[in-house]
Protein backbone atom coordinates (compact mmCIF):
# COMPACT_ATOMS: atom_id res chain seq x y z
CA MET A 1 14.20 9.67 -17.77
CA GLU A 2 16.40 6.86 -19.06
CA VAL A 3 15.79 4.96 -15.84
CA LEU A 4 12.17 4.46 -16.93
CA VAL A 5 13.44 2.13 -19.64
CA TYR A 6 14.45 -0.23 -16.82
CA LEU A 7 11.78 0.52 -14.23
CA ILE A 8 8.69 0.04 -16.39
CA PRO A 9 9.60 -3.48 -17.60
CA ALA A 10 10.74 -4.41 -14.09
CA SER A 11 7.45 -3.26 -12.57
CA LEU A 12 5.44 -5.08 -15.24
CA PHE A 13 7.45 -8.24 -14.61
CA LEU A 14 6.95 -8.04 -10.84
CA GLY A 15 3.24 -7.33 -11.27
CA GLY A 16 2.90 -10.34 -13.57
CA LEU A 17 4.82 -12.46 -11.08
CA GLY A 18 2.44 -11.41 -8.31
CA LEU A 19 -0.57 -12.15 -10.51
CA ALA A 20 0.83 -15.58 -11.40
CA ALA A 21 1.38 -16.35 -7.71
CA PHE A 22 -2.20 -15.32 -6.91
CA ILE A 23 -3.60 -17.49 -9.70
CA TRP A 24 -1.45 -20.38 -8.48
CA THR A 25 -2.94 -20.06 -4.99
CA LEU A 26 -6.43 -20.05 -6.47
CA LYS A 27 -5.74 -23.22 -8.44
CA ASN A 28 -4.28 -24.93 -5.36
CA ARG A 29 -7.50 -24.20 -3.44
CA GLN A 30 -5.89 -22.01 -0.78
CA TYR A 31 -9.08 -19.97 -0.28
CA ASP A 32 -11.66 -22.76 -0.07
CA ASP A 33 -12.91 -22.37 3.50
CA PRO A 34 -13.03 -18.72 4.60
CA GLU A 35 -16.27 -19.38 6.49
CA GLY A 36 -14.66 -22.18 8.52
CA ASP A 37 -11.81 -19.87 9.55
CA ALA A 38 -14.30 -17.28 10.72
CA TRP A 39 -16.06 -19.80 12.98
CA ARG A 40 -12.87 -21.55 14.12
CA ILE A 41 -11.56 -18.40 15.79
CA LEU A 42 -14.66 -18.33 18.01
CA SER A 43 -14.34 -21.95 19.08
CA ASP A 44 -12.85 -22.94 22.44
CA GLU A 45 -11.93 -26.41 21.18
CA TYR A 46 -8.42 -25.38 20.11
CA ASP A 47 -7.54 -22.81 22.74
CA ASP A 48 -3.85 -21.87 22.62
CA ALA A 49 -4.15 -19.28 25.35
CA PRO A 50 -1.56 -19.45 28.13
CA PRO A 51 -2.79 -21.02 31.36
CA GLU A 52 -4.28 -18.61 33.84
CA GLY A 53 -2.79 -18.33 37.25
């Protein structure tokens, strides 16, 4: 049970670190165009498929 003295603060720290990273990505506008990504995958304009033959 003494290990909980170390594990609980460590898990809270890592959870806070993950939350801070998520908030940072929101502030840096990483999720601005999810609709564009959905349509871009259907487009043939940027086709990276290997050549057929």
